[in-house]
Amino acid sequence: LYKGSPRIAKVFSPRPESPTPRMTSLYEQLSALGPGPTIGFVGRITPDKGLPILLDALRLLTERGRHCRLMIVGYCEDDALAARVAEERAAGMPVLLLGPT
């Protein structure tokens, strides 16, 4: 699903020794979504970025008992896609949306 040029990801500890209040809040929000790895989407939230495919994949994984969470960070430019994300969250899908919508 990645459309950009490859980049080296910065790896960080999931539990820093002295997290900031903002990081503590983020960890609490992610923990509330349940256990499992976190899949991240960072960028403009538009259909051409593949987010609908990612949402479908998350639903499929969840239905098959593979517990994971989706964290979306970005600016939503598409009202229909924002509504789809809201519907998925309302249906109990483990989705966290950060950033202006």
Protein backbone atom coordinates (compact mmCIF):
# COMPACT_ATOMS: atom_id res chain seq x y z
CA LEU A 1 0.00 0.00 0.00
CA TYR A 2 3.02 2.29 0.31
CA LYS A 3 3.20 4.61 -2.71
CA GLY A 4 6.15 6.84 -1.82
CA SER A 5 9.87 6.33 -2.00
CA PRO A 6 11.31 3.94 0.61
CA ARG A 7 12.53 5.58 3.79
CA ILE A 8 14.24 4.34 6.89
CA ALA A 9 11.79 4.35 9.79
CA LYS A 10 12.93 5.64 13.15
CA VAL A 11 12.42 2.90 15.71
CA PHE A 12 11.49 3.99 19.21
CA SER A 13 10.74 2.25 22.45
CA PRO A 14 7.02 1.54 22.90
CA ARG A 15 7.38 2.67 26.52
CA PRO A 16 9.93 5.46 26.96
CA GLU A 17 11.36 5.89 30.44
CA SER A 18 9.86 9.36 30.88
CA PRO A 19 7.00 9.87 28.40
CA THR A 20 5.54 13.31 27.85
CA PRO A 21 1.88 13.89 28.77
CA ARG A 22 1.03 13.82 25.06
CA MET A 23 2.73 10.44 24.60
CA THR A 24 1.02 9.10 27.73
CA SER A 25 -2.34 10.14 26.27
CA LEU A 26 -1.51 8.43 22.97
CA TYR A 27 -0.53 5.18 24.72
CA GLU A 28 -3.78 5.28 26.71
CA GLN A 29 -5.84 5.79 23.56
CA LEU A 30 -4.06 2.92 21.79
CA SER A 31 -4.42 0.64 24.82
CA ALA A 32 -8.16 1.33 24.85
CA LEU A 33 -8.36 -0.18 21.34
CA GLY A 34 -7.18 -3.54 22.63
CA PRO A 35 -4.09 -5.70 22.24
CA GLY A 36 -1.99 -6.36 19.19
CA PRO A 37 0.38 -4.59 16.85
CA THR A 38 -0.36 -1.10 15.60
CA ILE A 39 -0.55 -0.36 11.87
CA GLY A 40 0.15 3.29 11.10
CA PHE A 41 -1.11 5.48 8.26
CA VAL A 42 0.47 8.93 8.04
CA GLY A 43 -0.40 11.39 5.29
CA ARG A 44 -3.26 13.18 3.59
CA ILE A 45 -6.41 11.18 4.13
CA THR A 46 -7.72 10.77 0.59
CA PRO A 47 -9.03 7.70 -1.27
CA ASP A 48 -6.05 7.68 -3.67
CA LYS A 49 -3.67 7.06 -0.73
CA GLY A 50 -5.14 3.59 -0.21
CA LEU A 51 -6.87 4.13 3.13
CA PRO A 52 -10.11 2.39 2.00
CA ILE A 53 -8.04 -0.70 1.18
CA LEU A 54 -6.33 -0.49 4.55
CA LEU A 55 -9.70 -0.24 6.33
CA ASP A 56 -10.94 -3.31 4.41
CA ALA A 57 -7.77 -5.19 5.37
CA LEU A 58 -8.20 -4.25 9.04
CA ARG A 59 -11.78 -5.53 8.98
CA LEU A 60 -10.65 -8.79 7.35
CA LEU A 61 -7.85 -9.28 9.89
CA THR A 62 -10.23 -8.60 12.78
CA GLU A 63 -12.83 -11.02 11.40
CA ARG A 64 -10.13 -13.70 11.16
CA GLY A 65 -9.13 -13.21 14.80
CA ARG A 66 -5.90 -11.30 14.11
CA HIS A 67 -6.04 -8.51 16.65
CA CYS A 68 -4.33 -5.32 15.53
CA ARG A 69 -5.01 -1.59 15.68
CA LEU A 70 -4.94 1.15 13.07
CA MET A 71 -3.62 4.61 13.90
CA ILE A 72 -4.39 7.23 11.23
CA VAL A 73 -2.52 10.55 11.36
CA GLY A 74 -3.28 13.28 8.87
CA TYR A 75 -5.62 15.84 7.42
CA CYS A 76 -8.86 14.49 5.94
CA GLU A 77 -9.79 16.12 2.63
CA ASP A 78 -12.64 13.75 1.75
CA ASP A 79 -15.96 13.91 3.64
CA ALA A 80 -17.06 10.46 2.45
CA LEU A 81 -13.82 8.90 3.66
CA ALA A 82 -14.08 10.72 7.01
CA ALA A 83 -17.59 9.29 7.36
CA ARG A 84 -16.27 5.78 6.53
CA VAL A 85 -13.59 6.05 9.24
CA ALA A 86 -16.25 7.24 11.71
CA GLU A 87 -18.51 4.31 10.74
CA GLU A 88 -15.67 1.82 11.25
CA ARG A 89 -14.93 3.27 14.69
CA ALA A 90 -18.64 3.23 15.62
CA ALA A 91 -18.81 -0.44 14.54
CA GLY A 92 -16.08 -1.26 17.06
CA MET A 93 -13.12 -1.45 14.70
CA PRO A 94 -9.84 -0.59 16.49
CA VAL A 95 -9.15 2.71 14.68
CA LEU A 96 -7.57 5.82 16.19
CA LEU A 97 -7.73 9.05 14.18
CA LEU A 98 -5.26 11.81 15.06
CA GLY A 99 -4.96 15.22 13.49
CA PRO A 100 -7.43 17.72 12.10
CA THR A 101 -10.40 16.21 10.26
